[in-house]
């Protein structure tokens, strides 16, 4: 398992050194995030480029998308429906939040699992 973590970390580092690939992966992760429109607009592409310029690690962005999606999906029964997310900018607060969280990396794996289960139940 440690080897998988190291290879995943090295893979992210290689992507972060290539702006076009970084932007592509950010936008792909955004597009696949539950609750989004599934489409990318020009402002989303510009924001992804800005995140790269700021040096935001790809793992932080992926974890922020998971955190926000989990918060939206895993809510009390009977809660009103939430609108569709139409912009990558929606995720800026969790992107800022994730680096300051003091949680084990397995927490984000757990959230991914919960999101998958919530999607299957619908």
C-alpha atoms as a PDB file:
ATOM      1  CA  UNK A   1       0.000   0.000   0.000  1.00  0.00           C
ATOM      2  CA  UNK A   2       2.847   2.415   0.751  1.00  0.00           C
ATOM      3  CA  UNK A   3       4.267   1.726  -2.703  1.00  0.00           C
ATOM      4  CA  UNK A   4       0.897   2.659  -4.281  1.00  0.00           C
ATOM      5  CA  UNK A   5       0.915   5.923  -2.327  1.00  0.00           C
ATOM      6  CA  UNK A   6       4.434   6.758  -3.475  1.00  0.00           C
ATOM      7  CA  UNK A   7       3.665   5.982  -7.114  1.00  0.00           C
ATOM      8  CA  UNK A   8       0.432   8.035  -6.939  1.00  0.00           C
ATOM      9  CA  UNK A   9       2.369  10.918  -5.379  1.00  0.00           C
ATOM     10  CA  UNK A  10       5.038  10.697  -8.090  1.00  0.00           C
ATOM     11  CA  UNK A  11       2.305  10.581 -10.741  1.00  0.00           C
ATOM     12  CA  UNK A  12       0.727  13.751  -9.330  1.00  0.00           C
ATOM     13  CA  UNK A  13       4.119  15.479  -9.221  1.00  0.00           C
ATOM     14  CA  UNK A  14       4.744  14.664 -12.880  1.00  0.00           C
ATOM     15  CA  UNK A  15       1.335  16.085 -13.798  1.00  0.00           C
ATOM     16  CA  UNK A  16       1.897  19.227 -11.748  1.00  0.00           C
ATOM     17  CA  UNK A  17       5.039  19.930 -13.778  1.00  0.00           C
ATOM     18  CA  UNK A  18       2.979  19.942 -17.007  1.00  0.00           C
ATOM     19  CA  UNK A  19       0.419  22.777 -17.025  1.00  0.00           C
ATOM     20  CA  UNK A  20      -1.744  21.389 -19.842  1.00  0.00           C
ATOM     21  CA  UNK A  21      -2.016  17.949 -18.227  1.00  0.00           C
ATOM     22  CA  UNK A  22      -2.690  19.489 -14.789  1.00  0.00           C
ATOM     23  CA  UNK A  23      -5.513  21.614 -16.228  1.00  0.00           C
ATOM     24  CA  UNK A  24      -6.934  18.624 -18.099  1.00  0.00           C
ATOM     25  CA  UNK A  25      -6.972  16.481 -14.958  1.00  0.00           C
ATOM     26  CA  UNK A  26      -8.517  19.233 -12.817  1.00  0.00           C
ATOM     27  CA  UNK A  27     -11.266  19.793 -15.371  1.00  0.00           C
ATOM     28  CA  UNK A  28     -11.824  16.056 -15.811  1.00  0.00           C
ATOM     29  CA  UNK A  29     -12.178  15.596 -12.041  1.00  0.00           C
ATOM     30  CA  UNK A  30     -14.558  18.568 -11.895  1.00  0.00           C
ATOM     31  CA  UNK A  31     -16.641  17.246 -14.788  1.00  0.00           C
ATOM     32  CA  UNK A  32     -17.003  13.840 -13.085  1.00  0.00           C
ATOM     33  CA  UNK A  33     -17.895  15.256  -9.664  1.00  0.00           C
ATOM     34  CA  UNK A  34     -21.471  14.442  -8.634  1.00  0.00           C
ATOM     35  CA  UNK A  35     -23.709  17.494  -8.609  1.00  0.00           C
ATOM     36  CA  UNK A  36     -21.915  19.336 -11.413  1.00  0.00           C
ATOM     37  CA  UNK A  37     -23.302  20.009 -14.883  1.00  0.00           C
ATOM     38  CA  UNK A  38     -20.618  17.787 -16.362  1.00  0.00           C
ATOM     39  CA  UNK A  39     -19.509  20.507 -18.747  1.00  0.00           C
ATOM     40  CA  UNK A  40     -16.524  22.826 -18.663  1.00  0.00           C
ATOM     41  CA  UNK A  41     -16.709  26.504 -19.524  1.00  0.00           C
ATOM     42  CA  UNK A  42     -13.956  28.984 -20.293  1.00  0.00           C
ATOM     43  CA  UNK A  43     -13.924  30.451 -16.728  1.00  0.00           C
ATOM     44  CA  UNK A  44     -13.406  26.913 -15.369  1.00  0.00           C
ATOM     45  CA  UNK A  45     -10.400  26.445 -17.652  1.00  0.00           C
ATOM     46  CA  UNK A  46      -8.977  29.809 -16.553  1.00  0.00           C
ATOM     47  CA  UNK A  47      -9.459  28.951 -12.880  1.00  0.00           C
ATOM     48  CA  UNK A  48      -7.714  25.591 -13.363  1.00  0.00           C
ATOM     49  CA  UNK A  49      -4.762  27.455 -14.915  1.00  0.00           C
ATOM     50  CA  UNK A  50      -4.721  29.878 -11.968  1.00  0.00           C
ATOM     51  CA  UNK A  51      -4.714  26.979  -9.511  1.00  0.00           C
ATOM     52  CA  UNK A  52      -1.715  25.555 -11.349  1.00  0.00           C
ATOM     53  CA  UNK A  53       0.070  28.924 -11.229  1.00  0.00           C
ATOM     54  CA  UNK A  54      -0.637  29.134  -7.484  1.00  0.00           C
ATOM     55  CA  UNK A  55       0.938  25.701  -7.052  1.00  0.00           C
ATOM     56  CA  UNK A  56      -2.164  24.022  -5.631  1.00  0.00           C
ATOM     57  CA  UNK A  57      -1.430  20.285  -5.613  1.00  0.00           C
ATOM     58  CA  UNK A  58      -3.706  18.136  -7.753  1.00  0.00           C
ATOM     59  CA  UNK A  59      -4.431  15.917  -4.736  1.00  0.00           C
ATOM     60  CA  UNK A  60      -5.750  18.944  -2.814  1.00  0.00           C
ATOM     61  CA  UNK A  61      -8.152  19.779  -5.628  1.00  0.00           C
ATOM     62  CA  UNK A  62      -9.324  16.174  -5.978  1.00  0.00           C
ATOM     63  CA  UNK A  63      -9.883  15.912  -2.230  1.00  0.00           C
ATOM     64  CA  UNK A  64     -11.735  19.236  -2.159  1.00  0.00           C
ATOM     65  CA  UNK A  65     -14.078  18.042  -4.910  1.00  0.00           C
ATOM     66  CA  UNK A  66     -14.740  14.851  -2.946  1.00  0.00           C
ATOM     67  CA  UNK A  67     -15.299  16.756   0.304  1.00  0.00           C
ATOM     68  CA  UNK A  68     -17.784  19.183  -1.249  1.00  0.00           C
ATOM     69  CA  UNK A  69     -19.614  16.440  -3.140  1.00  0.00           C
ATOM     70  CA  UNK A  70     -19.902  14.353   0.028  1.00  0.00           C
ATOM     71  CA  UNK A  71     -21.283  17.300   1.971  1.00  0.00           C
ATOM     72  CA  UNK A  72     -23.917  17.816  -0.701  1.00  0.00           C
ATOM     73  CA  UNK A  73     -24.865  14.146  -1.089  1.00  0.00           C
ATOM     74  CA  UNK A  74     -24.746  12.920   2.486  1.00  0.00           C
ATOM     75  CA  UNK A  75     -27.445  15.033   4.078  1.00  0.00           C
ATOM     76  CA  UNK A  76     -30.441  14.362   6.299  1.00  0.00           C
ATOM     77  CA  UNK A  77     -33.444  12.713   4.675  1.00  0.00           C
ATOM     78  CA  UNK A  78     -36.033  15.231   3.610  1.00  0.00           C
ATOM     79  CA  UNK A  79     -33.520  17.993   3.003  1.00  0.00           C
ATOM     80  CA  UNK A  80     -34.439  20.219   0.058  1.00  0.00           C
ATOM     81  CA  UNK A  81     -32.771  19.414  -3.240  1.00  0.00           C
ATOM     82  CA  UNK A  82     -29.665  21.421  -4.076  1.00  0.00           C
ATOM     83  CA  UNK A  83     -29.125  23.082  -7.431  1.00  0.00           C
ATOM     84  CA  UNK A  84     -26.588  21.936  -9.980  1.00  0.00           C
ATOM     85  CA  UNK A  85     -23.031  23.213  -9.583  1.00  0.00           C
ATOM     86  CA  UNK A  86     -22.247  25.291 -12.655  1.00  0.00           C
ATOM     87  CA  UNK A  87     -18.694  26.444 -11.994  1.00  0.00           C
ATOM     88  CA  UNK A  88     -15.378  25.161 -10.726  1.00  0.00           C
ATOM     89  CA  UNK A  89     -15.300  28.345  -8.620  1.00  0.00           C
ATOM     90  CA  UNK A  90     -17.935  26.741  -6.357  1.00  0.00           C
ATOM     91  CA  UNK A  91     -15.129  24.535  -5.041  1.00  0.00           C
ATOM     92  CA  UNK A  92     -12.715  27.341  -4.093  1.00  0.00           C
ATOM     93  CA  UNK A  93     -13.658  27.348  -0.373  1.00  0.00           C
ATOM     94  CA  UNK A  94     -13.051  23.593   0.024  1.00  0.00           C
ATOM     95  CA  UNK A  95      -9.832  23.908  -2.024  1.00  0.00           C
ATOM     96  CA  UNK A  96      -8.660  26.466   0.547  1.00  0.00           C
ATOM     97  CA  UNK A  97      -9.936  24.310   3.415  1.00  0.00           C
ATOM     98  CA  UNK A  98      -8.399  20.938   2.530  1.00  0.00           C
ATOM     99  CA  UNK A  99      -4.711  21.789   3.148  1.00  0.00           C
ATOM    100  CA  UNK A 100      -5.618  22.902   6.677  1.00  0.00           C
ATOM    101  CA  UNK A 101      -7.637  19.817   7.569  1.00  0.00           C
ATOM    102  CA  UNK A 102      -6.047  17.497  10.051  1.00  0.00           C
ATOM    103  CA  UNK A 103      -7.460  14.227   8.791  1.00  0.00           C
ATOM    104  CA  UNK A 104      -5.883  10.973   7.738  1.00  0.00           C
ATOM    105  CA  UNK A 105      -5.668  10.511   3.927  1.00  0.00           C
ATOM    106  CA  UNK A 106      -7.931   7.479   4.346  1.00  0.00           C
ATOM    107  CA  UNK A 107     -10.745   9.909   5.205  1.00  0.00           C
ATOM    108  CA  UNK A 108     -10.956  11.001   1.575  1.00  0.00           C
ATOM    109  CA  UNK A 109     -10.991   7.352   0.451  1.00  0.00           C
ATOM    110  CA  UNK A 110     -13.874   6.824   2.865  1.00  0.00           C
ATOM    111  CA  UNK A 111     -15.731   9.821   1.403  1.00  0.00           C
ATOM    112  CA  UNK A 112     -15.191   8.513  -2.137  1.00  0.00           C
ATOM    113  CA  UNK A 113     -16.698   5.202  -1.038  1.00  0.00           C
ATOM    114  CA  UNK A 114     -19.693   6.959   0.558  1.00  0.00           C
ATOM    115  CA  UNK A 115     -20.269   8.989  -2.608  1.00  0.00           C
ATOM    116  CA  UNK A 116     -20.194   5.817  -4.716  1.00  0.00           C
ATOM    117  CA  UNK A 117     -22.712   4.148  -2.382  1.00  0.00           C
ATOM    118  CA  UNK A 118     -24.963   7.218  -2.399  1.00  0.00           C
ATOM    119  CA  UNK A 119     -24.872   7.236  -6.207  1.00  0.00           C
ATOM    120  CA  UNK A 120     -25.812   3.565  -6.367  1.00  0.00           C
ATOM    121  CA  UNK A 121     -28.732   4.068  -3.976  1.00  0.00           C
ATOM    122  CA  UNK A 122     -30.301   6.702  -6.234  1.00  0.00           C
END
